Amino acid sequence: MDGIKINYESIDAYISMFPPEVQEILNRLREVIKESAPGAEEKISYQMPTFALHGNLVHFAAYKNHIGFYPAASGIEAFKDELSRYKGAKGSVQFPIDKSLPYDLISRIVKYRVAENIRKAEGKLKKLK
């Protein structure tokens, strides 16, 4: 697939492109995010599965050796001590694909991002009044 750009229509389409064992991880991750962010919209953004609520909350993606999780820089910063054992960057973390994902931690990060986006949305509403 080198050089071929795929435009995914849905998270289901994205997940279906991977081997069954990776699909299992991605489906579980999707469920954890859904449970942690009730009411969030599922979409594809930046060609990655994305959850949005008053703006993007988190993205995720599968790679050869890891699952990329993108909770924005604020989500990484708020949990930097717990995430320090994983590779990452300002707004991302890499969970090794051959180890169990820290679903409890992911849930807490998603809940943090939900609260953050709601606060920002409420702040914007106050400015409009």
C-alpha atoms as a PDB file:
ATOM      1  CA  MET A   1       0.000   0.000   0.000  1.00  0.00           C
ATOM      2  CA  ASP A   2       2.994   2.320  -0.239  1.00  0.00           C
ATOM      3  CA  GLY A   3       2.029   5.627  -1.765  1.00  0.00           C
ATOM      4  CA  ILE A   4      -1.695   4.846  -1.763  1.00  0.00           C
ATOM      5  CA  LYS A   5      -3.746   7.274   0.283  1.00  0.00           C
ATOM      6  CA  ILE A   6      -6.882   5.737   1.749  1.00  0.00           C
ATOM      7  CA  ASN A   7      -9.762   7.969   2.748  1.00  0.00           C
ATOM      8  CA  TYR A   8     -11.705   6.236   5.506  1.00  0.00           C
ATOM      9  CA  GLU A   9     -15.449   6.878   5.616  1.00  0.00           C
ATOM     10  CA  SER A  10     -15.941   5.685   9.199  1.00  0.00           C
ATOM     11  CA  ILE A  11     -14.190   4.271  12.228  1.00  0.00           C
ATOM     12  CA  ASP A  12     -15.576   0.848  11.281  1.00  0.00           C
ATOM     13  CA  ALA A  13     -13.909   1.130   7.856  1.00  0.00           C
ATOM     14  CA  TYR A  14     -10.630   2.178   9.483  1.00  0.00           C
ATOM     15  CA  ILE A  15     -10.622  -0.705  11.966  1.00  0.00           C
ATOM     16  CA  SER A  16     -11.555  -3.248   9.286  1.00  0.00           C
ATOM     17  CA  MET A  17      -8.243  -2.590   7.487  1.00  0.00           C
ATOM     18  CA  PHE A  18      -6.216  -4.283  10.238  1.00  0.00           C
ATOM     19  CA  PRO A  19      -5.574  -7.928  11.186  1.00  0.00           C
ATOM     20  CA  PRO A  20      -8.086  -9.453  13.648  1.00  0.00           C
ATOM     21  CA  GLU A  21      -5.807  -9.134  16.694  1.00  0.00           C
ATOM     22  CA  VAL A  22      -5.313  -5.399  16.023  1.00  0.00           C
ATOM     23  CA  GLN A  23      -9.031  -4.961  15.335  1.00  0.00           C
ATOM     24  CA  GLU A  24      -9.695  -6.411  18.780  1.00  0.00           C
ATOM     25  CA  ILE A  25      -7.414  -3.816  20.424  1.00  0.00           C
ATOM     26  CA  LEU A  26      -8.909  -0.957  18.403  1.00  0.00           C
ATOM     27  CA  ASN A  27     -12.481  -2.022  19.136  1.00  0.00           C
ATOM     28  CA  ARG A  28     -11.750  -2.239  22.870  1.00  0.00           C
ATOM     29  CA  LEU A  29     -10.081   1.180  22.794  1.00  0.00           C
ATOM     30  CA  ARG A  30     -13.106   2.583  20.960  1.00  0.00           C
ATOM     31  CA  GLU A  31     -15.457   1.154  23.611  1.00  0.00           C
ATOM     32  CA  VAL A  32     -13.391   2.611  26.468  1.00  0.00           C
ATOM     33  CA  ILE A  33     -13.498   6.030  24.806  1.00  0.00           C
ATOM     34  CA  LYS A  34     -17.264   5.772  24.173  1.00  0.00           C
ATOM     35  CA  GLU A  35     -17.909   4.826  27.812  1.00  0.00           C
ATOM     36  CA  SER A  36     -15.699   7.680  29.030  1.00  0.00           C
ATOM     37  CA  ALA A  37     -17.214  10.287  26.734  1.00  0.00           C
ATOM     38  CA  PRO A  38     -20.949   9.630  26.463  1.00  0.00           C
ATOM     39  CA  GLY A  39     -22.459  11.827  23.802  1.00  0.00           C
ATOM     40  CA  ALA A  40     -19.195  12.286  21.912  1.00  0.00           C
ATOM     41  CA  GLU A  41     -19.443  12.123  18.134  1.00  0.00           C
ATOM     42  CA  GLU A  42     -17.406   9.554  16.221  1.00  0.00           C
ATOM     43  CA  LYS A  43     -15.737  10.739  13.052  1.00  0.00           C
ATOM     44  CA  ILE A  44     -12.613  10.475  10.957  1.00  0.00           C
ATOM     45  CA  SER A  45     -10.261  13.446  11.264  1.00  0.00           C
ATOM     46  CA  TYR A  46      -6.690  13.559   9.968  1.00  0.00           C
ATOM     47  CA  GLN A  47      -7.491  10.070   8.559  1.00  0.00           C
ATOM     48  CA  MET A  48      -7.716   8.732  12.136  1.00  0.00           C
ATOM     49  CA  PRO A  49     -10.618   7.608  14.316  1.00  0.00           C
ATOM     50  CA  THR A  50     -11.645  10.669  16.310  1.00  0.00           C
ATOM     51  CA  PHE A  51     -14.088  11.445  19.094  1.00  0.00           C
ATOM     52  CA  ALA A  52     -15.436  14.982  19.335  1.00  0.00           C
ATOM     53  CA  LEU A  53     -17.460  16.846  21.937  1.00  0.00           C
ATOM     54  CA  HIS A  54     -17.317  20.653  21.701  1.00  0.00           C
ATOM     55  CA  GLY A  55     -14.299  20.088  19.440  1.00  0.00           C
ATOM     56  CA  ASN A  56     -11.945  17.150  19.044  1.00  0.00           C
ATOM     57  CA  LEU A  57     -11.351  15.140  22.225  1.00  0.00           C
ATOM     58  CA  VAL A  58      -9.003  12.335  21.193  1.00  0.00           C
ATOM     59  CA  HIS A  59      -7.731  10.529  18.096  1.00  0.00           C
ATOM     60  CA  PHE A  60      -6.194   7.078  17.841  1.00  0.00           C
ATOM     61  CA  ALA A  61      -4.401   5.099  15.156  1.00  0.00           C
ATOM     62  CA  ALA A  62      -2.742   1.742  14.666  1.00  0.00           C
ATOM     63  CA  TYR A  63       0.807   1.337  13.437  1.00  0.00           C
ATOM     64  CA  LYS A  64       3.080  -1.650  12.941  1.00  0.00           C
ATOM     65  CA  ASN A  65       4.463  -1.668  16.502  1.00  0.00           C
ATOM     66  CA  HIS A  66       2.174   0.602  18.502  1.00  0.00           C
ATOM     67  CA  ILE A  67      -1.210   2.206  18.979  1.00  0.00           C
ATOM     68  CA  GLY A  68      -0.975   5.976  18.790  1.00  0.00           C
ATOM     69  CA  PHE A  69      -3.248   7.878  21.161  1.00  0.00           C
ATOM     70  CA  TYR A  70      -3.658  11.624  20.698  1.00  0.00           C
ATOM     71  CA  PRO A  71      -5.423  13.423  23.582  1.00  0.00           C
ATOM     72  CA  ALA A  72      -3.924  16.853  22.760  1.00  0.00           C
ATOM     73  CA  ALA A  73      -1.005  18.385  24.618  1.00  0.00           C
ATOM     74  CA  SER A  74      -3.161  19.147  27.677  1.00  0.00           C
ATOM     75  CA  GLY A  75      -4.166  15.480  28.035  1.00  0.00           C
ATOM     76  CA  ILE A  76      -0.527  14.386  27.899  1.00  0.00           C
ATOM     77  CA  GLU A  77       0.615  17.077  30.337  1.00  0.00           C
ATOM     78  CA  ALA A  78      -2.084  16.276  32.915  1.00  0.00           C
ATOM     79  CA  PHE A  79      -1.031  12.605  33.048  1.00  0.00           C
ATOM     80  CA  LYS A  80       2.682  12.976  32.242  1.00  0.00           C
ATOM     81  CA  ASP A  81       3.878  10.975  35.263  1.00  0.00           C
ATOM     82  CA  GLU A  82       1.716   7.966  34.407  1.00  0.00           C
ATOM     83  CA  LEU A  83       2.574   8.275  30.704  1.00  0.00           C
ATOM     84  CA  SER A  84       6.323   8.656  31.284  1.00  0.00           C
ATOM     85  CA  ARG A  85       6.916   4.921  30.736  1.00  0.00           C
ATOM     86  CA  TYR A  86       5.666   5.208  27.130  1.00  0.00           C
ATOM     87  CA  LYS A  87       7.156   6.865  24.075  1.00  0.00           C
ATOM     88  CA  GLY A  88       5.395  10.047  23.205  1.00  0.00           C
ATOM     89  CA  ALA A  89       5.507  13.650  22.145  1.00  0.00           C
ATOM     90  CA  LYS A  90       3.750  16.879  23.053  1.00  0.00           C
ATOM     91  CA  GLY A  91       0.252  15.677  22.113  1.00  0.00           C
ATOM     92  CA  SER A  92       0.679  11.934  21.655  1.00  0.00           C
ATOM     93  CA  VAL A  93       1.624   8.690  23.306  1.00  0.00           C
ATOM     94  CA  GLN A  94       2.601   5.335  21.813  1.00  0.00           C
ATOM     95  CA  PHE A  95       1.302   2.180  23.475  1.00  0.00           C
ATOM     96  CA  PRO A  96       3.227  -0.945  22.381  1.00  0.00           C
ATOM     97  CA  ILE A  97       0.931  -3.134  20.299  1.00  0.00           C
ATOM     98  CA  ASP A  98       2.235  -6.324  21.913  1.00  0.00           C
ATOM     99  CA  LYS A  99       1.282  -5.262  25.474  1.00  0.00           C
ATOM    100  CA  SER A 100      -2.113  -4.643  27.041  1.00  0.00           C
ATOM    101  CA  LEU A 101      -3.210  -1.036  26.730  1.00  0.00           C
ATOM    102  CA  PRO A 102      -3.702   0.874  30.019  1.00  0.00           C
ATOM    103  CA  TYR A 103      -7.455   1.210  29.523  1.00  0.00           C
ATOM    104  CA  ASP A 104      -8.087   2.698  32.978  1.00  0.00           C
ATOM    105  CA  LEU A 105      -5.548   5.448  32.308  1.00  0.00           C
ATOM    106  CA  ILE A 106      -6.988   6.043  28.829  1.00  0.00           C
ATOM    107  CA  SER A 107     -10.464   6.371  30.367  1.00  0.00           C
ATOM    108  CA  ARG A 108      -9.233   8.965  32.874  1.00  0.00           C
ATOM    109  CA  ILE A 109      -7.483  10.943  30.113  1.00  0.00           C
ATOM    110  CA  VAL A 110     -10.654  10.945  27.982  1.00  0.00           C
ATOM    111  CA  LYS A 111     -12.761  12.098  30.954  1.00  0.00           C
ATOM    112  CA  TYR A 112     -10.228  14.865  31.591  1.00  0.00           C
ATOM    113  CA  ARG A 113     -10.478  15.988  27.949  1.00  0.00           C
ATOM    114  CA  VAL A 114     -14.318  15.920  28.109  1.00  0.00           C
ATOM    115  CA  ALA A 115     -14.285  18.195  31.178  1.00  0.00           C
ATOM    116  CA  GLU A 116     -11.721  20.470  29.535  1.00  0.00           C
ATOM    117  CA  ASN A 117     -13.750  20.838  26.321  1.00  0.00           C
ATOM    118  CA  ILE A 118     -16.959  21.487  28.263  1.00  0.00           C
ATOM    119  CA  ARG A 119     -15.207  24.226  30.308  1.00  0.00           C
ATOM    120  CA  LYS A 120     -13.902  25.825  27.099  1.00  0.00           C
ATOM    121  CA  ALA A 121     -17.360  25.676  25.463  1.00  0.00           C
ATOM    122  CA  GLU A 122     -18.983  27.225  28.540  1.00  0.00           C
ATOM    123  CA  GLY A 123     -16.346  29.972  28.542  1.00  0.00           C
ATOM    124  CA  LYS A 124     -17.134  30.786  24.925  1.00  0.00           C
ATOM    125  CA  LEU A 125     -20.859  30.934  25.697  1.00  0.00           C
ATOM    126  CA  LYS A 126     -20.246  33.396  28.548  1.00  0.00           C
ATOM    127  CA  LYS A 127     -18.266  35.650  26.201  1.00  0.00           C
ATOM    128  CA  LEU A 128     -21.187  35.690  23.746  1.00  0.00           C
ATOM    129  CA  LYS A 129     -23.647  36.905  26.390  1.00  0.00           C
END
